């Protein structure tokens, strides 16, 4: 009897998961039809902010000082610097 209940609960959970996926996909399709839709996560910093931070680094300012001045994390600065170097 316990095996029956377990199988039934697993089936209901799988059904719910499939319904969530279908609703999510339907919502994405509706969103794509609207003006101004951008897929993915929005950028935290503008190109101007990143360029300004890179200019500060090139002028000899340390990462710690640039982080304090701009509020951009050190890991983001390192990632941006690597991207520019490529």
PDB file of N, CA and C in Angstrom:
ATOM      1  N   UNK A   1       0.823  -1.190   0.000  1.00  0.00           N
ATOM      2  CA  UNK A   1       0.000   0.000   0.000  1.00  0.00           C
ATOM      3  C   UNK A   1       0.876   1.267   0.000  1.00  0.00           C
ATOM      4  N   UNK A   2       1.989   1.231   0.762  1.00  0.00           N
ATOM      5  CA  UNK A   2       2.884   2.380   0.811  1.00  0.00           C
ATOM      6  C   UNK A   2       3.512   2.671  -0.536  1.00  0.00           C
ATOM      7  N   UNK A   3       3.839   1.622  -1.270  1.00  0.00           N
ATOM      8  CA  UNK A   3       4.418   1.778  -2.605  1.00  0.00           C
ATOM      9  C   UNK A   3       3.420   2.449  -3.558  1.00  0.00           C
ATOM     10  N   UNK A   4       2.141   2.120  -3.418  1.00  0.00           N
ATOM     11  CA  UNK A   4       1.102   2.728  -4.245  1.00  0.00           C
ATOM     12  C   UNK A   4       1.037   4.234  -4.002  1.00  0.00           C
ATOM     13  N   UNK A   5       1.042   4.625  -2.708  1.00  0.00           N
ATOM     14  CA  UNK A   5       0.975   6.054  -2.376  1.00  0.00           C
ATOM     15  C   UNK A   5       2.210   6.801  -2.872  1.00  0.00           C
ATOM     16  N   UNK A   6       3.357   6.178  -2.737  1.00  0.00           N
ATOM     17  CA  UNK A   6       4.594   6.800  -3.215  1.00  0.00           C
ATOM     18  C   UNK A   6       4.547   7.007  -4.725  1.00  0.00           C
ATOM     19  N   UNK A   7       4.114   5.997  -5.454  1.00  0.00           N
ATOM     20  CA  UNK A   7       4.013   6.097  -6.912  1.00  0.00           C
ATOM     21  C   UNK A   7       3.011   7.179  -7.315  1.00  0.00           C
ATOM     22  N   UNK A   8       1.896   7.248  -6.609  1.00  0.00           N
ATOM     23  CA  UNK A   8       0.869   8.254  -6.905  1.00  0.00           C
ATOM     24  C   UNK A   8       1.402   9.664  -6.643  1.00  0.00           C
ATOM     25  N   UNK A   9       2.080   9.855  -5.523  1.00  0.00           N
ATOM     26  CA  UNK A   9       2.641  11.169  -5.209  1.00  0.00           C
ATOM     27  C   UNK A   9       3.703  11.581  -6.231  1.00  0.00           C
ATOM     28  N   UNK A  10       4.521  10.644  -6.650  1.00  0.00           N
ATOM     29  CA  UNK A  10       5.533  10.962  -7.658  1.00  0.00           C
ATOM     30  C   UNK A  10       4.890  11.353  -8.980  1.00  0.00           C
ATOM     31  N   UNK A  11       3.806  10.684  -9.342  1.00  0.00           N
ATOM     32  CA  UNK A  11       3.106  11.017 -10.588  1.00  0.00           C
ATOM     33  C   UNK A  11       2.510  12.422 -10.510  1.00  0.00           C
ATOM     34  N   UNK A  12       1.921  12.756  -9.366  1.00  0.00           N
ATOM     35  CA  UNK A  12       1.340  14.097  -9.191  1.00  0.00           C
ATOM     36  C   UNK A  12       2.437  15.161  -9.226  1.00  0.00           C
ATOM     37  N   UNK A  13       3.565  14.870  -8.594  1.00  0.00           N
ATOM     38  CA  UNK A  13       4.676  15.826  -8.599  1.00  0.00           C
ATOM     39  C   UNK A  13       5.202  16.044 -10.013  1.00  0.00           C
ATOM     40  N   UNK A  14       5.306  14.985 -10.790  1.00  0.00           N
ATOM     41  CA  UNK A  14       5.773  15.107 -12.170  1.00  0.00           C
ATOM     42  C   UNK A  14       4.777  15.898 -13.012  1.00  0.00           C
ATOM     43  N   UNK A  15       3.477  15.655 -12.796  1.00  0.00           N
ATOM     44  CA  UNK A  15       2.446  16.402 -13.507  1.00  0.00           C
ATOM     45  C   UNK A  15       2.544  17.889 -13.187  1.00  0.00           C
ATOM     46  N   UNK A  16       2.703  18.216 -11.908  1.00  0.00           N
ATOM     47  CA  UNK A  16       2.818  19.620 -11.501  1.00  0.00           C
ATOM     48  C   UNK A  16       4.049  20.275 -12.114  1.00  0.00           C
ATOM     49  N   UNK A  17       5.159  19.558 -12.137  1.00  0.00           N
ATOM     50  CA  UNK A  17       6.390  20.092 -12.741  1.00  0.00           C
ATOM     51  C   UNK A  17       6.186  20.387 -14.220  1.00  0.00           C
ATOM     52  N   UNK A  18       5.530  19.479 -14.919  1.00  0.00           N
ATOM     53  CA  UNK A  18       5.261  19.691 -16.347  1.00  0.00           C
ATOM     54  C   UNK A  18       4.338  20.881 -16.567  1.00  0.00           C
ATOM     55  N   UNK A  19       3.349  21.048 -15.690  1.00  0.00           N
ATOM     56  CA  UNK A  19       2.434  22.185 -15.825  1.00  0.00           C
ATOM     57  C   UNK A  19       3.170  23.501 -15.586  1.00  0.00           C
ATOM     58  N   UNK A  20       4.073  23.524 -14.613  1.00  0.00           N
ATOM     59  CA  UNK A  20       4.868  24.732 -14.351  1.00  0.00           C
ATOM     60  C   UNK A  20       5.715  25.076 -15.569  1.00  0.00           C
ATOM     61  N   UNK A  21       6.346  24.070 -16.181  1.00  0.00           N
ATOM     62  CA  UNK A  21       7.175  24.311 -17.367  1.00  0.00           C
ATOM     63  C   UNK A  21       6.337  24.849 -18.521  1.00  0.00           C
ATOM     64  N   UNK A  22       5.137  24.304 -18.718  1.00  0.00           N
ATOM     65  CA  UNK A  22       4.264  24.784 -19.792  1.00  0.00           C
ATOM     66  C   UNK A  22       3.835  26.224 -19.559  1.00  0.00           C
ATOM     67  N   UNK A  23       3.472  26.560 -18.321  1.00  0.00           N
ATOM     68  CA  UNK A  23       3.060  27.935 -18.021  1.00  0.00           C
ATOM     69  C   UNK A  23       4.220  28.904 -18.190  1.00  0.00           C
ATOM     70  N   UNK A  24       5.416  28.489 -17.806  1.00  0.00           N
ATOM     71  CA  UNK A  24       6.598  29.334 -17.956  1.00  0.00           C
ATOM     72  C   UNK A  24       6.876  29.604 -19.427  1.00  0.00           C
ATOM     73  N   UNK A  25       6.831  28.573 -20.241  1.00  0.00           N
ATOM     74  CA  UNK A  25       7.072  28.737 -21.675  1.00  0.00           C
ATOM     75  C   UNK A  25       6.007  29.625 -22.312  1.00  0.00           C
ATOM     76  N   UNK A  26       4.753  29.460 -21.902  1.00  0.00           N
ATOM     77  CA  UNK A  26       3.684  30.306 -22.442  1.00  0.00           C
ATOM     78  C   UNK A  26       3.912  31.766 -22.060  1.00  0.00           C
ATOM     79  N   UNK A  27       4.336  32.009 -20.824  1.00  0.00           N
ATOM     80  CA  UNK A  27       4.621  33.371 -20.386  1.00  0.00           C
ATOM     81  C   UNK A  27       5.770  33.987 -21.153  1.00  0.00           C
ATOM     82  N   UNK A  28       6.795  33.199 -21.442  1.00  0.00           N
ATOM     83  CA  UNK A  28       7.928  33.696 -22.229  1.00  0.00           C
ATOM     84  C   UNK A  28       7.493  34.052 -23.647  1.00  0.00           C
ATOM     85  N   UNK A  29       6.646  33.232 -24.230  1.00  0.00           N
ATOM     86  CA  UNK A  29       6.168  33.522 -25.587  1.00  0.00           C
ATOM     87  C   UNK A  29       5.366  34.824 -25.620  1.00  0.00           C
ATOM     88  N   UNK A  30       4.542  35.042 -24.615  1.00  0.00           N
ATOM     89  CA  UNK A  30       3.770  36.290 -24.535  1.00  0.00           C
ATOM     90  C   UNK A  30       4.713  37.473 -24.367  1.00  0.00           C
ATOM     91  N   UNK A  31       5.720  37.327 -23.507  1.00  0.00           N
ATOM     92  CA  UNK A  31       6.669  38.414 -23.263  1.00  0.00           C
ATOM     93  C   UNK A  31       7.462  38.754 -24.518  1.00  0.00           C
ATOM     94  N   UNK A  32       7.802  37.751 -25.325  1.00  0.00           N
ATOM     95  CA  UNK A  32       8.592  38.003 -26.546  1.00  0.00           C
ATOM     96  C   UNK A  32       7.820  38.843 -27.560  1.00  0.00           C
ATOM     97  N   UNK A  33       6.504  38.814 -27.503  1.00  0.00           N
ATOM     98  CA  UNK A  33       5.714  39.589 -28.462  1.00  0.00           C
ATOM     99  C   UNK A  33       5.654  41.067 -28.090  1.00  0.00           C
ATOM    100  N   UNK A  34       6.013  41.421 -26.866  1.00  0.00           N
ATOM    101  CA  UNK A  34       5.919  42.805 -26.414  1.00  0.00           C
ATOM    102  C   UNK A  34       7.176  43.585 -26.778  1.00  0.00           C
ATOM    103  N   UNK A  35       6.999  44.894 -27.003  1.00  0.00           N
ATOM    104  CA  UNK A  35       8.132  45.768 -27.311  1.00  0.00           C
ATOM    105  C   UNK A  35       9.060  45.886 -26.117  1.00  0.00           C
ATOM    106  N   UNK A  36      10.352  45.981 -26.404  1.00  0.00           N
ATOM    107  CA  UNK A  36      11.335  46.187 -25.356  1.00  0.00           C
ATOM    108  C   UNK A  36      11.727  44.933 -24.608  1.00  0.00           C
ATOM    109  N   UNK A  37      11.295  43.772 -25.065  1.00  0.00           N
ATOM    110  CA  UNK A  37      11.643  42.522 -24.384  1.00  0.00           C
ATOM    111  C   UNK A  37      13.098  42.189 -24.621  1.00  0.00           C
ATOM    112  N   UNK A  38      13.798  41.882 -23.536  1.00  0.00           N
ATOM    113  CA  UNK A  38      15.182  41.425 -23.634  1.00  0.00           C
ATOM    114  C   UNK A  38      15.282  40.125 -22.857  1.00  0.00           C
ATOM    115  N   UNK A  39      15.816  39.115 -23.503  1.00  0.00           N
ATOM    116  CA  UNK A  39      15.961  37.819 -22.868  1.00  0.00           C
ATOM    117  C   UNK A  39      17.151  37.841 -21.924  1.00  0.00           C
ATOM    118  N   UNK A  40      17.054  37.217 -20.788  1.00  0.00           N
ATOM    119  CA  UNK A  40      18.162  37.118 -19.857  1.00  0.00           C
ATOM    120  C   UNK A  40      18.138  38.192 -18.790  1.00  0.00           C
ATOM    121  N   UNK A  41      19.169  38.149 -17.994  1.00  0.00           N
ATOM    122  CA  UNK A  41      19.283  39.065 -16.869  1.00  0.00           C
ATOM    123  C   UNK A  41      19.784  40.428 -17.344  1.00  0.00           C
ATOM    124  N   UNK A  42      19.210  41.526 -16.836  1.00  0.00           N
ATOM    125  CA  UNK A  42      19.686  42.850 -17.248  1.00  0.00           C
ATOM    126  C   UNK A  42      21.090  43.133 -16.702  1.00  0.00           C
ATOM    127  N   UNK A  43      21.825  43.957 -17.423  1.00  0.00           N
ATOM    128  CA  UNK A  43      23.184  44.319 -17.006  1.00  0.00           C
ATOM    129  C   UNK A  43      23.129  45.199 -15.762  1.00  0.00           C
ATOM    130  N   UNK A  44      24.051  44.956 -14.840  1.00  0.00           N
ATOM    131  CA  UNK A  44      24.080  45.727 -13.595  1.00  0.00           C
ATOM    132  C   UNK A  44      24.737  47.090 -13.806  1.00  0.00           C
ATOM    133  N   UNK A  45      25.696  47.169 -14.746  1.00  0.00           N
ATOM    134  CA  UNK A  45      26.438  48.406 -14.975  1.00  0.00           C
ATOM    135  C   UNK A  45      26.385  48.768 -16.451  1.00  0.00           C
ATOM    136  N   UNK A  46      26.395  50.068 -16.710  1.00  0.00           N
ATOM    137  CA  UNK A  46      26.382  50.528 -18.100  1.00  0.00           C
ATOM    138  C   UNK A  46      27.791  50.436 -18.680  1.00  0.00           C
ATOM    139  N   UNK A  47      27.871  50.531 -19.990  1.00  0.00           N
ATOM    140  CA  UNK A  47      29.181  50.521 -20.658  1.00  0.00           C
ATOM    141  C   UNK A  47      30.026  51.707 -20.190  1.00  0.00           C
ATOM    142  N   UNK A  48      29.366  52.847 -19.955  1.00  0.00           N
ATOM    143  CA  UNK A  48      30.082  54.034 -19.494  1.00  0.00           C
ATOM    144  C   UNK A  48      30.716  53.798 -18.127  1.00  0.00           C
ATOM    145  N   UNK A  49      29.968  53.176 -17.210  1.00  0.00           N
ATOM    146  CA  UNK A  49      30.501  52.908 -15.871  1.00  0.00           C
ATOM    147  C   UNK A  49      31.705  51.971 -15.944  1.00  0.00           C
ATOM    148  N   UNK A  50      31.604  50.926 -16.752  1.00  0.00           N
ATOM    149  CA  UNK A  50      32.706  49.971 -16.877  1.00  0.00           C
ATOM    150  C   UNK A  50      33.919  50.616 -17.537  1.00  0.00           C
ATOM    151  N   UNK A  51      33.671  51.447 -18.564  1.00  0.00           N
ATOM    152  CA  UNK A  51      34.780  52.125 -19.240  1.00  0.00           C
ATOM    153  C   UNK A  51      35.483  53.074 -18.276  1.00  0.00           C
ATOM    154  N   UNK A  52      34.714  53.778 -17.484  1.00  0.00           N
ATOM    155  CA  UNK A  52      35.282  54.688 -16.499  1.00  0.00           C
ATOM    156  C   UNK A  52      36.149  53.918 -15.495  1.00  0.00           C
ATOM    157  N   UNK A  53      35.667  52.778 -15.029  1.00  0.00           N
ATOM    158  CA  UNK A  53      36.428  51.970 -14.077  1.00  0.00           C
ATOM    159  C   UNK A  53      37.712  51.445 -14.721  1.00  0.00           C
ATOM    160  N   UNK A  54      37.636  51.036 -15.992  1.00  0.00           N
ATOM    161  CA  UNK A  54      38.833  50.538 -16.682  1.00  0.00           C
ATOM    162  C   UNK A  54      39.854  51.656 -16.874  1.00  0.00           C
ATOM    163  N   UNK A  55      39.360  52.860 -17.156  1.00  0.00           N
ATOM    164  CA  UNK A  55      40.264  54.009 -17.282  1.00  0.00           C
ATOM    165  C   UNK A  55      40.973  54.302 -15.958  1.00  0.00           C
ATOM    166  N   UNK A  56      40.246  54.165 -14.868  1.00  0.00           N
ATOM    167  CA  UNK A  56      40.865  54.363 -13.552  1.00  0.00           C
ATOM    168  C   UNK A  56      41.951  53.318 -13.292  1.00  0.00           C
ATOM    169  N   UNK A  57      41.687  52.081 -13.666  1.00  0.00           N
ATOM    170  CA  UNK A  57      42.689  51.028 -13.481  1.00  0.00           C
ATOM    171  C   UNK A  57      43.922  51.282 -14.341  1.00  0.00           C
ATOM    172  N   UNK A  58      43.707  51.744 -15.573  1.00  0.00           N
ATOM    173  CA  UNK A  58      44.833  52.016 -16.474  1.00  0.00           C
ATOM    174  C   UNK A  58      45.693  53.168 -15.962  1.00  0.00           C
ATOM    175  N   UNK A  59      45.071  54.086 -15.223  1.00  0.00           N
ATOM    176  CA  UNK A  59      45.829  55.235 -14.722  1.00  0.00           C
ATOM    177  C   UNK A  59      46.644  54.893 -13.480  1.00  0.00           C
ATOM    178  N   UNK A  60      46.582  53.633 -13.042  1.00  0.00           N
ATOM    179  CA  UNK A  60      47.404  53.216 -11.918  1.00  0.00           C
ATOM    180  C   UNK A  60      46.668  53.120 -10.602  1.00  0.00           C
ATOM    181  N   UNK A  61      45.382  53.360 -10.599  1.00  0.00           N
ATOM    182  CA  UNK A  61      44.595  53.243  -9.381  1.00  0.00           C
ATOM    183  C   UNK A  61      44.424  51.762  -9.050  1.00  0.00           C
ATOM    184  N   UNK A  62      44.497  51.428  -7.772  1.00  0.00           N
ATOM    185  CA  UNK A  62      44.381  50.018  -7.373  1.00  0.00           C
ATOM    186  C   UNK A  62      42.929  49.540  -7.473  1.00  0.00           C
ATOM    187  N   UNK A  63      42.789  48.221  -7.507  1.00  0.00           N
ATOM    188  CA  UNK A  63      41.448  47.642  -7.564  1.00  0.00           C
ATOM    189  C   UNK A  63      40.609  48.076  -6.361  1.00  0.00           C
ATOM    190  N   UNK A  64      41.210  48.085  -5.186  1.00  0.00           N
ATOM    191  CA  UNK A  64      40.487  48.455  -3.971  1.00  0.00           C
ATOM    192  C   UNK A  64      39.955  49.880  -4.049  1.00  0.00           C
ATOM    193  N   UNK A  65      40.758  50.789  -4.556  1.00  0.00           N
ATOM    194  CA  UNK A  65      40.322  52.177  -4.683  1.00  0.00           C
ATOM    195  C   UNK A  65      39.218  52.321  -5.724  1.00  0.00           C
ATOM    196  N   UNK A  66      39.353  51.582  -6.835  1.00  0.00           N
ATOM    197  CA  UNK A  66      38.324  51.642  -7.882  1.00  0.00           C
ATOM    198  C   UNK A  66      37.006  51.082  -7.350  1.00  0.00           C
ATOM    199  N   UNK A  67      37.078  50.014  -6.574  1.00  0.00           N
ATOM    200  CA  UNK A  67      35.867  49.437  -5.979  1.00  0.00           C
ATOM    201  C   UNK A  67      35.187  50.463  -5.078  1.00  0.00           C
ATOM    202  N   UNK A  68      35.966  51.166  -4.267  1.00  0.00           N
ATOM    203  CA  UNK A  68      35.407  52.179  -3.366  1.00  0.00           C
ATOM    204  C   UNK A  68      34.798  53.342  -4.142  1.00  0.00           C
ATOM    205  N   UNK A  69      35.446  53.750  -5.232  1.00  0.00           N
ATOM    206  CA  UNK A  69      34.955  54.903  -5.996  1.00  0.00           C
ATOM    207  C   UNK A  69      33.732  54.583  -6.837  1.00  0.00           C
ATOM    208  N   UNK A  70      33.698  53.395  -7.441  1.00  0.00           N
ATOM    209  CA  UNK A  70      32.639  53.080  -8.393  1.00  0.00           C
ATOM    210  C   UNK A  70      31.548  52.181  -7.840  1.00  0.00           C
ATOM    211  N   UNK A  71      31.868  51.389  -6.829  1.00  0.00           N
ATOM    212  CA  UNK A  71      30.891  50.439  -6.305  1.00  0.00           C
ATOM    213  C   UNK A  71      30.818  49.153  -7.108  1.00  0.00           C
ATOM    214  N   UNK A  72      31.689  49.014  -8.102  1.00  0.00           N
ATOM    215  CA  UNK A  72      31.741  47.805  -8.915  1.00  0.00           C
ATOM    216  C   UNK A  72      32.671  46.817  -8.218  1.00  0.00           C
ATOM    217  N   UNK A  73      32.248  45.562  -8.109  1.00  0.00           N
ATOM    218  CA  UNK A  73      33.044  44.583  -7.369  1.00  0.00           C
ATOM    219  C   UNK A  73      34.355  44.278  -8.093  1.00  0.00           C
ATOM    220  N   UNK A  74      35.321  43.793  -7.311  1.00  0.00           N
ATOM    221  CA  UNK A  74      36.642  43.485  -7.852  1.00  0.00           C
ATOM    222  C   UNK A  74      36.547  42.365  -8.893  1.00  0.00           C
ATOM    223  N   UNK A  75      35.706  41.378  -8.643  1.00  0.00           N
ATOM    224  CA  UNK A  75      35.572  40.276  -9.600  1.00  0.00           C
ATOM    225  C   UNK A  75      35.008  40.764 -10.936  1.00  0.00           C
ATOM    226  N   UNK A  76      34.077  41.708 -10.894  1.00  0.00           N
ATOM    227  CA  UNK A  76      33.539  42.276 -12.134  1.00  0.00           C
ATOM    228  C   UNK A  76      34.613  43.057 -12.872  1.00  0.00           C
ATOM    229  N   UNK A  77      35.432  43.797 -12.142  1.00  0.00           N
ATOM    230  CA  UNK A  77      36.519  44.556 -12.771  1.00  0.00           C
ATOM    231  C   UNK A  77      37.526  43.620 -13.440  1.00  0.00           C
ATOM    232  N   UNK A  78      37.876  42.544 -12.750  1.00  0.00           N
ATOM    233  CA  UNK A  78      38.824  41.576 -13.320  1.00  0.00           C
ATOM    234  C   UNK A  78      38.235  40.931 -14.565  1.00  0.00           C
ATOM    235  N   UNK A  79      36.956  40.556 -14.509  1.00  0.00           N
ATOM    236  CA  UNK A  79      36.286  39.945 -15.657  1.00  0.00           C
ATOM    237  C   UNK A  79      36.255  40.896 -16.849  1.00  0.00           C
ATOM    238  N   UNK A  80      35.965  42.159 -16.593  1.00  0.00           N
ATOM    239  CA  UNK A  80      35.910  43.161 -17.663  1.00  0.00           C
ATOM    240  C   UNK A  80      37.308  43.380 -18.258  1.00  0.00           C
ATOM    241  N   UNK A  81      38.328  43.406 -17.411  1.00  0.00           N
ATOM    242  CA  UNK A  81      39.690  43.599 -17.881  1.00  0.00           C
ATOM    243  C   UNK A  81      40.112  42.441 -18.785  1.00  0.00           C
ATOM    244  N   UNK A  82      39.761  41.219 -18.400  1.00  0.00           N
ATOM    245  CA  UNK A  82      40.063  40.052 -19.228  1.00  0.00           C
ATOM    246  C   UNK A  82      39.329  40.116 -20.564  1.00  0.00           C
ATOM    247  N   UNK A  83      38.083  40.572 -20.528  1.00  0.00           N
ATOM    248  CA  UNK A  83      37.284  40.671 -21.744  1.00  0.00           C
ATOM    249  C   UNK A  83      37.904  41.675 -22.723  1.00  0.00           C
ATOM    250  N   UNK A  84      38.397  42.791 -22.192  1.00  0.00           N
ATOM    251  CA  UNK A  84      39.028  43.806 -23.028  1.00  0.00           C
ATOM    252  C   UNK A  84      40.342  43.301 -23.613  1.00  0.00           C
ATOM    253  N   UNK A  85      41.099  42.519 -22.828  1.00  0.00           N
ATOM    254  CA  UNK A  85      42.410  42.015 -23.255  1.00  0.00           C
ATOM    255  C   UNK A  85      42.292  41.013 -24.401  1.00  0.00           C
ATOM    256  N   UNK A  86      41.155  40.392 -24.538  1.00  0.00           N
ATOM    257  CA  UNK A  86      41.001  39.371 -25.593  1.00  0.00           C
ATOM    258  C   UNK A  86      40.888  39.949 -26.935  1.00  0.00           C
TER     259      UNK A  86
END
